[in-house]
Amino acid sequence: MDRQASRPSPIVLGVTGASGALLAKRAIECLLGLGYPLRLVCSRAGERVWREELDGEFASFAEQLQSSGDVETYSVEDIGAPIASGRLPTRGMLIVPCSMDALAALAQGRSANLLERAADVTLKEGRRLVLVPRESPLSAVHLGNMLSLARLGVRIVPPMPAFYRKPRTVEEVVDEVVERALRALGLPEVAGQ
């Protein structure tokens, strides 16, 4: 059997400038642990939040990953990257965390950068798009944009703790949110958990 044929399609993962870089880091770790190739794109604001919340550079983290798995990283300005085209078969796209700016751009069909273009391609190709929006409180504008996207089939997974599971640490809450996002992406390895 052809080894390429047995490999799963890559997952596109976008990181934006909302609080929640730890969610993105954990999602990346989980997806690599499940054996999925990753195509990463981080907005400039996402890079800043990553630096402020995790005391490190997103680019350095991504560079370390490239040696441990099938990971490619693209500049948010590179609108000619492979993830900007429907010709690249992907499993879908996860944007975690998803800022209200990125969410509004997607709701309006804007694709002014690679992250927005990759999400637009995901929608037009009928692939799964999962957003983990990070804002509170939510305004009517935010909710309207989420509703518009949900009507298009986008899965919205706000990072809300499941207190009935009695989490004791931030890490347990993060793991729960990431697990829900990966289930929404339709990954068989986590669908039944």
N, C-alpha and C. Protein backbone atom coordinates (compact mmCIF):
# COMPACT_ATOMS: atom_id res chain seq x y z
N MET A 1 0.84 -1.18 0.00
CA MET A 1 0.00 0.00 0.00
C MET A 1 0.89 1.25 0.00
N ASP A 2 0.47 2.25 -0.72
CA ASP A 2 1.20 3.52 -0.79
C ASP A 2 1.15 4.21 0.56
N ARG A 3 2.32 4.53 1.11
CA ARG A 3 2.39 5.17 2.43
C ARG A 3 1.66 6.52 2.42
N GLN A 4 1.78 7.28 1.33
CA GLN A 4 1.12 8.58 1.22
C GLN A 4 -0.40 8.41 1.31
N ALA A 5 -0.93 7.34 0.69
CA ALA A 5 -2.38 7.14 0.68
C ALA A 5 -2.92 6.86 2.08
N SER A 6 -2.10 6.30 2.97
CA SER A 6 -2.57 5.96 4.30
C SER A 6 -2.45 7.12 5.30
N ARG A 7 -1.74 8.17 4.91
CA ARG A 7 -1.58 9.31 5.81
C ARG A 7 -2.85 10.14 5.82
N PRO A 8 -3.23 10.66 6.98
CA PRO A 8 -4.41 11.52 7.03
C PRO A 8 -4.15 12.86 6.34
N SER A 9 -5.22 13.45 5.86
CA SER A 9 -5.11 14.80 5.28
C SER A 9 -4.75 15.78 6.38
N PRO A 10 -4.03 16.85 6.02
CA PRO A 10 -3.64 17.81 7.05
C PRO A 10 -4.83 18.60 7.58
N ILE A 11 -4.63 19.12 8.76
CA ILE A 11 -5.58 20.03 9.38
C ILE A 11 -4.94 21.41 9.40
N VAL A 12 -5.71 22.41 8.98
CA VAL A 12 -5.24 23.79 9.03
C VAL A 12 -5.61 24.33 10.40
N LEU A 13 -4.66 24.94 11.07
CA LEU A 13 -4.94 25.51 12.38
C LEU A 13 -4.51 26.98 12.37
N GLY A 14 -5.48 27.86 12.65
CA GLY A 14 -5.22 29.28 12.70
C GLY A 14 -5.24 29.78 14.14
N VAL A 15 -4.37 30.72 14.42
CA VAL A 15 -4.28 31.34 15.75
C VAL A 15 -4.46 32.84 15.54
N THR A 16 -5.41 33.43 16.27
CA THR A 16 -5.64 34.86 16.14
C THR A 16 -5.34 35.57 17.46
N GLY A 17 -5.59 36.86 17.47
CA GLY A 17 -5.19 37.70 18.59
C GLY A 17 -6.14 37.77 19.76
N ALA A 18 -6.94 36.76 19.96
CA ALA A 18 -7.78 36.71 21.17
C ALA A 18 -6.99 36.04 22.28
N SER A 19 -7.36 36.31 23.52
CA SER A 19 -6.74 35.61 24.63
C SER A 19 -7.04 34.12 24.51
N GLY A 20 -6.06 33.30 24.83
CA GLY A 20 -6.27 31.86 24.77
C GLY A 20 -5.18 31.12 24.01
N ALA A 21 -3.98 31.66 24.00
CA ALA A 21 -2.87 31.00 23.31
C ALA A 21 -2.63 29.60 23.87
N LEU A 22 -2.90 29.40 25.14
CA LEU A 22 -2.73 28.07 25.74
C LEU A 22 -3.66 27.05 25.08
N LEU A 23 -4.85 27.48 24.68
CA LEU A 23 -5.78 26.60 23.97
C LEU A 23 -5.18 26.17 22.63
N ALA A 24 -4.59 27.13 21.91
CA ALA A 24 -3.97 26.82 20.62
C ALA A 24 -2.81 25.85 20.80
N LYS A 25 -1.96 26.13 21.77
CA LYS A 25 -0.80 25.27 22.01
C LYS A 25 -1.23 23.84 22.31
N ARG A 26 -2.22 23.70 23.16
CA ARG A 26 -2.69 22.36 23.53
C ARG A 26 -3.36 21.66 22.35
N ALA A 27 -4.11 22.40 21.54
CA ALA A 27 -4.75 21.80 20.36
C ALA A 27 -3.69 21.28 19.39
N ILE A 28 -2.64 22.06 19.19
CA ILE A 28 -1.55 21.64 18.31
C ILE A 28 -0.90 20.37 18.84
N GLU A 29 -0.62 20.34 20.14
CA GLU A 29 -0.01 19.15 20.74
C GLU A 29 -0.90 17.93 20.59
N CYS A 30 -2.20 18.09 20.82
CA CYS A 30 -3.14 16.96 20.71
C CYS A 30 -3.23 16.45 19.28
N LEU A 31 -3.32 17.36 18.33
CA LEU A 31 -3.44 16.95 16.92
C LEU A 31 -2.19 16.22 16.46
N LEU A 32 -1.03 16.71 16.86
CA LEU A 32 0.21 16.01 16.51
C LEU A 32 0.26 14.64 17.19
N GLY A 33 -0.21 14.58 18.43
CA GLY A 33 -0.25 13.31 19.15
C GLY A 33 -1.16 12.29 18.49
N LEU A 34 -2.19 12.77 17.80
CA LEU A 34 -3.10 11.89 17.07
C LEU A 34 -2.58 11.54 15.68
N GLY A 35 -1.45 12.16 15.30
CA GLY A 35 -0.83 11.83 14.02
C GLY A 35 -1.28 12.65 12.83
N TYR A 36 -1.92 13.79 13.09
CA TYR A 36 -2.38 14.62 11.97
C TYR A 36 -1.30 15.60 11.53
N PRO A 37 -1.07 15.70 10.23
CA PRO A 37 -0.20 16.76 9.73
C PRO A 37 -0.87 18.11 9.98
N LEU A 38 -0.08 19.12 10.28
CA LEU A 38 -0.64 20.44 10.58
C LEU A 38 -0.10 21.48 9.62
N ARG A 39 -0.97 22.41 9.25
CA ARG A 39 -0.62 23.58 8.47
C ARG A 39 -1.02 24.77 9.32
N LEU A 40 -0.05 25.50 9.85
CA LEU A 40 -0.28 26.55 10.83
C LEU A 40 -0.18 27.93 10.21
N VAL A 41 -1.06 28.82 10.67
CA VAL A 41 -0.99 30.24 10.31
C VAL A 41 -1.41 31.04 11.54
N CYS A 42 -0.64 32.05 11.86
CA CYS A 42 -0.89 32.86 13.05
C CYS A 42 -0.92 34.32 12.64
N SER A 43 -1.96 35.03 13.07
CA SER A 43 -2.04 36.46 12.76
C SER A 43 -0.98 37.22 13.56
N ARG A 44 -0.71 38.45 13.16
CA ARG A 44 0.26 39.27 13.90
C ARG A 44 -0.22 39.48 15.34
N ALA A 45 -1.50 39.75 15.50
CA ALA A 45 -2.04 39.91 16.86
C ALA A 45 -1.94 38.59 17.63
N GLY A 46 -2.11 37.46 16.94
CA GLY A 46 -1.96 36.16 17.58
C GLY A 46 -0.54 35.94 18.08
N GLU A 47 0.44 36.39 17.29
CA GLU A 47 1.83 36.28 17.72
C GLU A 47 2.07 37.10 18.98
N ARG A 48 1.48 38.29 19.03
CA ARG A 48 1.66 39.15 20.21
C ARG A 48 1.04 38.51 21.45
N VAL A 49 -0.20 38.01 21.31
CA VAL A 49 -0.86 37.39 22.46
C VAL A 49 -0.11 36.15 22.90
N TRP A 50 0.38 35.37 21.94
CA TRP A 50 1.18 34.17 22.27
C TRP A 50 2.37 34.57 23.14
N ARG A 51 3.07 35.61 22.70
CA ARG A 51 4.25 36.09 23.44
C ARG A 51 3.86 36.55 24.84
N GLU A 52 2.76 37.29 24.96
CA GLU A 52 2.35 37.83 26.26
C GLU A 52 1.82 36.75 27.20
N GLU A 53 1.12 35.75 26.67
CA GLU A 53 0.51 34.75 27.53
C GLU A 53 1.41 33.55 27.81
N LEU A 54 2.29 33.22 26.86
CA LEU A 54 3.11 32.02 27.02
C LEU A 54 4.60 32.31 27.16
N ASP A 55 4.95 33.60 27.20
CA ASP A 55 6.35 34.00 27.40
C ASP A 55 7.30 33.36 26.39
N GLY A 56 6.88 33.31 25.16
CA GLY A 56 7.72 32.77 24.09
C GLY A 56 7.18 33.22 22.75
N GLU A 57 7.90 32.89 21.71
CA GLU A 57 7.51 33.28 20.36
C GLU A 57 6.79 32.12 19.67
N PHE A 58 5.70 32.44 18.98
CA PHE A 58 4.98 31.42 18.22
C PHE A 58 5.91 30.78 17.18
N ALA A 59 6.70 31.61 16.50
CA ALA A 59 7.59 31.10 15.45
C ALA A 59 8.59 30.09 16.02
N SER A 60 9.11 30.32 17.20
CA SER A 60 10.05 29.38 17.83
C SER A 60 9.36 28.06 18.17
N PHE A 61 8.14 28.16 18.71
CA PHE A 61 7.36 26.97 19.03
C PHE A 61 7.10 26.15 17.76
N ALA A 62 6.67 26.83 16.70
CA ALA A 62 6.37 26.14 15.44
C ALA A 62 7.63 25.52 14.84
N GLU A 63 8.74 26.20 14.95
CA GLU A 63 10.01 25.67 14.42
C GLU A 63 10.41 24.38 15.14
N GLN A 64 10.21 24.34 16.45
CA GLN A 64 10.52 23.13 17.22
C GLN A 64 9.62 21.97 16.78
N LEU A 65 8.37 22.27 16.46
CA LEU A 65 7.42 21.23 16.05
C LEU A 65 7.80 20.61 14.71
N GLN A 66 8.39 21.41 13.84
CA GLN A 66 8.70 20.92 12.51
C GLN A 66 9.65 19.74 12.54
N SER A 67 10.45 19.63 13.58
CA SER A 67 11.36 18.48 13.68
C SER A 67 10.68 17.26 14.27
N SER A 68 9.53 17.44 14.92
CA SER A 68 8.87 16.31 15.58
C SER A 68 7.65 15.80 14.84
N GLY A 69 7.25 16.44 13.76
CA GLY A 69 6.07 15.99 13.06
C GLY A 69 5.90 16.71 11.74
N ASP A 70 4.84 16.36 11.05
CA ASP A 70 4.53 16.96 9.76
C ASP A 70 3.84 18.30 10.01
N VAL A 71 4.63 19.35 10.16
CA VAL A 71 4.13 20.68 10.47
C VAL A 71 4.72 21.68 9.47
N GLU A 72 3.85 22.46 8.88
CA GLU A 72 4.29 23.57 8.03
C GLU A 72 3.64 24.84 8.55
N THR A 73 4.40 25.91 8.57
CA THR A 73 3.91 27.19 9.05
C THR A 73 3.99 28.20 7.92
N TYR A 74 2.94 29.02 7.80
CA TYR A 74 2.88 30.03 6.75
C TYR A 74 2.69 31.41 7.36
N SER A 75 3.28 32.39 6.72
CA SER A 75 3.07 33.78 7.12
C SER A 75 1.63 34.18 6.80
N VAL A 76 1.04 34.96 7.66
CA VAL A 76 -0.34 35.40 7.46
C VAL A 76 -0.47 36.27 6.20
N GLU A 77 0.65 36.83 5.74
CA GLU A 77 0.62 37.65 4.52
C GLU A 77 0.78 36.81 3.25
N ASP A 78 1.13 35.54 3.36
CA ASP A 78 1.42 34.70 2.19
C ASP A 78 0.13 34.14 1.58
N ILE A 79 -0.59 34.97 0.83
CA ILE A 79 -1.87 34.53 0.26
C ILE A 79 -1.69 33.52 -0.87
N GLY A 80 -0.45 33.23 -1.25
CA GLY A 80 -0.19 32.21 -2.26
C GLY A 80 0.18 30.87 -1.67
N ALA A 81 0.10 30.73 -0.34
CA ALA A 81 0.43 29.46 0.33
C ALA A 81 -0.56 28.38 -0.10
N PRO A 82 -0.17 27.11 -0.02
CA PRO A 82 -1.05 26.02 -0.44
C PRO A 82 -2.41 26.01 0.25
N ILE A 83 -2.50 26.46 1.50
CA ILE A 83 -3.79 26.44 2.21
C ILE A 83 -4.75 27.51 1.71
N ALA A 84 -4.30 28.35 0.78
CA ALA A 84 -5.16 29.37 0.18
C ALA A 84 -5.92 28.82 -1.02
N SER A 85 -5.73 27.55 -1.32
CA SER A 85 -6.36 26.95 -2.49
C SER A 85 -7.13 25.69 -2.10
N GLY A 86 -8.25 25.51 -2.75
CA GLY A 86 -9.04 24.30 -2.53
C GLY A 86 -8.39 23.06 -3.11
N ARG A 87 -7.34 23.23 -3.88
CA ARG A 87 -6.65 22.08 -4.47
C ARG A 87 -5.91 21.25 -3.41
N LEU A 88 -5.58 21.87 -2.29
CA LEU A 88 -4.93 21.12 -1.20
C LEU A 88 -6.02 20.43 -0.39
N PRO A 89 -6.06 19.10 -0.42
CA PRO A 89 -7.08 18.42 0.39
C PRO A 89 -6.73 18.52 1.87
N THR A 90 -7.67 18.99 2.66
CA THR A 90 -7.46 19.07 4.11
C THR A 90 -8.63 18.40 4.82
N ARG A 91 -8.40 18.11 6.08
CA ARG A 91 -9.44 17.51 6.92
C ARG A 91 -10.41 18.59 7.41
N GLY A 92 -9.98 19.84 7.38
CA GLY A 92 -10.78 20.96 7.86
C GLY A 92 -9.87 21.97 8.50
N MET A 93 -10.49 22.92 9.19
CA MET A 93 -9.73 24.00 9.81
C MET A 93 -10.27 24.31 11.19
N LEU A 94 -9.36 24.58 12.09
CA LEU A 94 -9.67 24.98 13.46
C LEU A 94 -9.03 26.33 13.69
N ILE A 95 -9.81 27.31 14.17
CA ILE A 95 -9.24 28.61 14.55
C ILE A 95 -9.40 28.74 16.05
N VAL A 96 -8.26 28.71 16.75
CA VAL A 96 -8.25 28.71 18.20
C VAL A 96 -7.05 29.50 18.71
N PRO A 97 -7.26 30.53 19.49
CA PRO A 97 -8.52 31.19 19.74
C PRO A 97 -8.94 32.01 18.51
N CYS A 98 -10.21 32.30 18.44
CA CYS A 98 -10.73 33.08 17.32
C CYS A 98 -11.18 34.45 17.84
N SER A 99 -10.51 35.48 17.37
CA SER A 99 -10.86 36.85 17.79
C SER A 99 -12.18 37.26 17.16
N MET A 100 -12.80 38.26 17.71
CA MET A 100 -14.04 38.78 17.13
C MET A 100 -13.77 39.46 15.79
N ASP A 101 -12.56 39.97 15.60
CA ASP A 101 -12.18 40.56 14.31
C ASP A 101 -12.15 39.48 13.23
N ALA A 102 -11.49 38.36 13.52
CA ALA A 102 -11.43 37.26 12.56
C ALA A 102 -12.83 36.70 12.31
N LEU A 103 -13.61 36.55 13.36
CA LEU A 103 -14.96 36.02 13.23
C LEU A 103 -15.81 36.94 12.34
N ALA A 104 -15.69 38.25 12.54
CA ALA A 104 -16.44 39.20 11.72
C ALA A 104 -16.01 39.12 10.26
N ALA A 105 -14.70 39.00 10.03
CA ALA A 105 -14.20 38.89 8.66
C ALA A 105 -14.79 37.66 7.97
N LEU A 106 -14.82 36.54 8.68
CA LEU A 106 -15.36 35.31 8.10
C LEU A 106 -16.85 35.43 7.83
N ALA A 107 -17.57 36.06 8.75
CA ALA A 107 -19.01 36.24 8.57
C ALA A 107 -19.33 37.11 7.37
N GLN A 108 -18.43 38.01 7.04
CA GLN A 108 -18.63 38.91 5.90
C GLN A 108 -18.00 38.39 4.61
N GLY A 109 -17.36 37.24 4.67
CA GLY A 109 -16.73 36.67 3.49
C GLY A 109 -15.45 37.36 3.08
N ARG A 110 -14.84 38.06 4.03
CA ARG A 110 -13.60 38.78 3.74
C ARG A 110 -12.43 37.80 3.76
N SER A 111 -11.48 38.02 2.88
CA SER A 111 -10.27 37.18 2.90
C SER A 111 -9.06 38.05 2.58
N ALA A 112 -8.77 38.96 3.51
CA ALA A 112 -7.70 39.94 3.33
C ALA A 112 -6.32 39.40 3.70
N ASN A 113 -6.26 38.22 4.33
CA ASN A 113 -4.97 37.62 4.68
C ASN A 113 -5.08 36.11 4.54
N LEU A 114 -4.00 35.40 4.77
CA LEU A 114 -4.01 33.95 4.57
C LEU A 114 -4.95 33.23 5.51
N LEU A 115 -5.01 33.64 6.77
CA LEU A 115 -5.89 32.98 7.72
C LEU A 115 -7.34 33.08 7.25
N GLU A 116 -7.77 34.27 6.87
CA GLU A 116 -9.14 34.47 6.38
C GLU A 116 -9.37 33.71 5.09
N ARG A 117 -8.38 33.72 4.19
CA ARG A 117 -8.52 33.02 2.91
C ARG A 117 -8.62 31.52 3.13
N ALA A 118 -7.81 30.96 4.02
CA ALA A 118 -7.87 29.53 4.30
C ALA A 118 -9.23 29.14 4.86
N ALA A 119 -9.79 29.98 5.72
CA ALA A 119 -11.13 29.70 6.26
C ALA A 119 -12.18 29.79 5.17
N ASP A 120 -12.04 30.78 4.30
CA ASP A 120 -12.98 30.94 3.19
C ASP A 120 -12.92 29.72 2.27
N VAL A 121 -11.72 29.22 1.99
CA VAL A 121 -11.55 28.02 1.17
C VAL A 121 -12.20 26.82 1.86
N THR A 122 -12.00 26.72 3.16
CA THR A 122 -12.59 25.61 3.92
C THR A 122 -14.11 25.63 3.76
N LEU A 123 -14.71 26.80 3.86
CA LEU A 123 -16.16 26.92 3.69
C LEU A 123 -16.59 26.56 2.27
N LYS A 124 -15.91 27.14 1.27
CA LYS A 124 -16.36 26.92 -0.11
C LYS A 124 -16.18 25.48 -0.55
N GLU A 125 -15.21 24.78 0.05
CA GLU A 125 -14.98 23.38 -0.29
C GLU A 125 -15.87 22.44 0.53
N GLY A 126 -16.67 22.99 1.43
CA GLY A 126 -17.57 22.17 2.23
C GLY A 126 -16.88 21.35 3.30
N ARG A 127 -15.73 21.83 3.74
CA ARG A 127 -14.99 21.14 4.81
C ARG A 127 -15.38 21.72 6.16
N ARG A 128 -15.05 20.99 7.21
CA ARG A 128 -15.39 21.47 8.55
C ARG A 128 -14.54 22.66 8.96
N LEU A 129 -15.23 23.66 9.51
CA LEU A 129 -14.57 24.83 10.08
C LEU A 129 -15.06 24.97 11.51
N VAL A 130 -14.12 24.98 12.44
CA VAL A 130 -14.45 25.07 13.87
C VAL A 130 -13.78 26.31 14.42
N LEU A 131 -14.55 27.13 15.11
CA LEU A 131 -14.04 28.35 15.73
C LEU A 131 -14.16 28.26 17.23
N VAL A 132 -13.13 28.69 17.93
CA VAL A 132 -13.15 28.77 19.39
C VAL A 132 -13.06 30.26 19.73
N PRO A 133 -14.22 30.94 19.72
CA PRO A 133 -14.22 32.40 19.93
C PRO A 133 -13.93 32.75 21.38
N ARG A 134 -13.12 33.79 21.56
CA ARG A 134 -12.73 34.19 22.90
C ARG A 134 -13.05 35.67 23.10
N GLU A 135 -14.18 35.92 23.70
CA GLU A 135 -14.58 37.28 24.06
C GLU A 135 -15.67 37.16 25.12
N SER A 136 -15.74 38.12 26.01
CA SER A 136 -16.79 38.13 27.01
C SER A 136 -16.86 39.51 27.62
N PRO A 137 -18.02 40.07 27.76
CA PRO A 137 -19.31 39.56 27.29
C PRO A 137 -19.43 39.70 25.78
N LEU A 138 -20.40 38.98 25.22
CA LEU A 138 -20.64 39.02 23.78
C LEU A 138 -21.68 40.08 23.47
N SER A 139 -21.41 40.89 22.46
CA SER A 139 -22.38 41.90 22.02
C SER A 139 -23.34 41.28 21.01
N ALA A 140 -24.38 41.99 20.67
CA ALA A 140 -25.33 41.54 19.66
C ALA A 140 -24.63 41.37 18.31
N VAL A 141 -23.64 42.22 18.04
CA VAL A 141 -22.87 42.09 16.79
C VAL A 141 -22.11 40.77 16.78
N HIS A 142 -21.43 40.44 17.88
CA HIS A 142 -20.70 39.18 17.98
C HIS A 142 -21.64 38.00 17.77
N LEU A 143 -22.77 38.03 18.47
CA LEU A 143 -23.73 36.93 18.37
C LEU A 143 -24.31 36.81 16.98
N GLY A 144 -24.57 37.94 16.33
CA GLY A 144 -25.08 37.93 14.96
C GLY A 144 -24.07 37.31 14.00
N ASN A 145 -22.80 37.65 14.16
CA ASN A 145 -21.77 37.07 13.31
C ASN A 145 -21.65 35.57 13.54
N MET A 146 -21.74 35.14 14.79
CA MET A 146 -21.69 33.71 15.08
C MET A 146 -22.88 32.99 14.47
N LEU A 147 -24.06 33.60 14.56
CA LEU A 147 -25.26 32.99 13.99
C LEU A 147 -25.12 32.87 12.47
N SER A 148 -24.62 33.90 11.82
CA SER A 148 -24.41 33.84 10.37
C SER A 148 -23.50 32.68 9.99
N LEU A 149 -22.43 32.51 10.73
CA LEU A 149 -21.49 31.43 10.44
C LEU A 149 -22.09 30.06 10.78
N ALA A 150 -22.80 29.97 11.90
CA ALA A 150 -23.42 28.70 12.28
C ALA A 150 -24.42 28.26 11.21
N ARG A 151 -25.12 29.20 10.61
CA ARG A 151 -26.06 28.86 9.54
C ARG A 151 -25.36 28.31 8.30
N LEU A 152 -24.07 28.60 8.16
CA LEU A 152 -23.27 28.06 7.06
C LEU A 152 -22.64 26.71 7.41
N GLY A 153 -22.88 26.24 8.63
CA GLY A 153 -22.33 24.96 9.06
C GLY A 153 -21.07 25.06 9.89
N VAL A 154 -20.63 26.27 10.18
CA VAL A 154 -19.44 26.44 11.01
C VAL A 154 -19.78 26.02 12.44
N ARG A 155 -18.89 25.27 13.05
CA ARG A 155 -19.10 24.85 14.44
C ARG A 155 -18.45 25.89 15.35
N ILE A 156 -19.21 26.39 16.30
CA ILE A 156 -18.76 27.41 17.25
C ILE A 156 -18.59 26.72 18.60
N VAL A 157 -17.37 26.74 19.13
CA VAL A 157 -17.07 26.05 20.40
C VAL A 157 -16.45 27.06 21.36
N PRO A 158 -17.29 27.84 22.07
CA PRO A 158 -16.73 28.79 23.03
C PRO A 158 -16.02 28.04 24.17
N PRO A 159 -14.95 28.59 24.69
CA PRO A 159 -14.22 27.91 25.76
C PRO A 159 -14.91 28.07 27.11
N MET A 160 -15.99 27.32 27.28
CA MET A 160 -16.77 27.37 28.52
C MET A 160 -16.45 26.14 29.35
N PRO A 161 -16.03 26.33 30.59
CA PRO A 161 -15.70 25.18 31.44
C PRO A 161 -16.92 24.30 31.72
N ALA A 162 -16.69 23.00 31.75
CA ALA A 162 -17.73 22.04 32.13
C ALA A 162 -17.54 21.76 33.62
N PHE A 163 -18.19 22.56 34.45
CA PHE A 163 -17.98 22.46 35.90
C PHE A 163 -18.48 21.14 36.48
N TYR A 164 -19.41 20.46 35.79
CA TYR A 164 -19.90 19.18 36.28
C TYR A 164 -18.79 18.12 36.28
N ARG A 165 -17.73 18.38 35.53
CA ARG A 165 -16.59 17.44 35.53
C ARG A 165 -15.61 17.75 36.67
N LYS A 166 -15.91 18.79 37.42
CA LYS A 166 -15.13 19.18 38.60
C LYS A 166 -13.64 19.39 38.30
N PRO A 167 -13.33 20.26 37.33
CA PRO A 167 -11.91 20.50 37.03
C PRO A 167 -11.21 21.14 38.22
N ARG A 168 -9.97 20.76 38.44
CA ARG A 168 -9.20 21.30 39.56
C ARG A 168 -8.09 22.24 39.11
N THR A 169 -7.74 22.17 37.81
CA THR A 169 -6.64 23.00 37.32
C THR A 169 -7.05 23.68 36.01
N VAL A 170 -6.31 24.71 35.67
CA VAL A 170 -6.52 25.38 34.38
C VAL A 170 -6.27 24.38 33.26
N GLU A 171 -5.28 23.53 33.40
CA GLU A 171 -4.95 22.54 32.38
C GLU A 171 -6.12 21.61 32.11
N GLU A 172 -6.84 21.21 33.15
CA GLU A 172 -8.01 20.35 32.96
C GLU A 172 -9.10 21.08 32.17
N VAL A 173 -9.29 22.35 32.44
CA VAL A 173 -10.27 23.15 31.70
C VAL A 173 -9.83 23.27 30.23
N VAL A 174 -8.56 23.56 30.02
CA VAL A 174 -8.03 23.68 28.66
C VAL A 174 -8.21 22.37 27.90
N ASP A 175 -7.88 21.25 28.53
CA ASP A 175 -8.04 19.94 27.88
C ASP A 175 -9.49 19.68 27.49
N GLU A 176 -10.42 20.04 28.35
CA GLU A 176 -11.85 19.84 28.06
C GLU A 176 -12.27 20.66 26.84
N VAL A 177 -11.86 21.92 26.79
CA VAL A 177 -12.23 22.79 25.66
C VAL A 177 -11.62 22.25 24.37
N VAL A 178 -10.36 21.87 24.41
CA VAL A 178 -9.69 21.34 23.21
C VAL A 178 -10.36 20.05 22.76
N GLU A 179 -10.69 19.18 23.69
CA GLU A 179 -11.38 17.93 23.33
C GLU A 179 -12.69 18.23 22.61
N ARG A 180 -13.45 19.20 23.11
CA ARG A 180 -14.72 19.56 22.46
C ARG A 180 -14.48 20.11 21.06
N ALA A 181 -13.46 20.92 20.91
CA ALA A 181 -13.16 21.49 19.59
C ALA A 181 -12.76 20.39 18.61
N LEU A 182 -11.96 19.44 19.06
CA LEU A 182 -11.53 18.35 18.18
C LEU A 182 -12.70 17.43 17.83
N ARG A 183 -13.62 17.23 18.76
CA ARG A 183 -14.83 16.46 18.44
C ARG A 183 -15.65 17.19 17.39
N ALA A 184 -15.75 18.51 17.52
CA ALA A 184 -16.50 19.30 16.54
C ALA A 184 -15.86 19.24 15.16
N LEU A 185 -14.54 19.03 15.11
CA LEU A 185 -13.82 18.90 13.85
C LEU A 185 -14.10 17.53 13.20
N GLY A 186 -14.73 16.64 13.97
CA GLY A 186 -15.13 15.34 13.44
C GLY A 186 -14.02 14.31 13.39
N LEU A 187 -13.08 14.41 14.30
CA LEU A 187 -11.98 13.46 14.32
C LEU A 187 -12.43 12.16 14.98
N PRO A 188 -12.31 11.04 14.30
CA PRO A 188 -12.84 9.79 14.85
C PRO A 188 -12.19 9.37 16.15
N GLU A 189 -10.94 9.77 16.37
CA GLU A 189 -10.24 9.38 17.59
C GLU A 189 -10.82 10.01 18.84
N VAL A 190 -11.51 11.13 18.72
CA VAL A 190 -12.07 11.80 19.88
C VAL A 190 -13.59 11.87 19.83
N ALA A 191 -14.19 11.42 18.75
CA ALA A 191 -15.64 11.57 18.57
C ALA A 191 -16.45 10.83 19.63
N GLY A 192 -15.97 9.69 20.11
CA GLY A 192 -16.74 8.90 21.06
C GLY A 192 -16.38 9.18 22.51
N GLN A 193 -15.42 10.05 22.75
CA GLN A 193 -14.96 10.27 24.13
C GLN A 193 -15.86 11.23 24.86
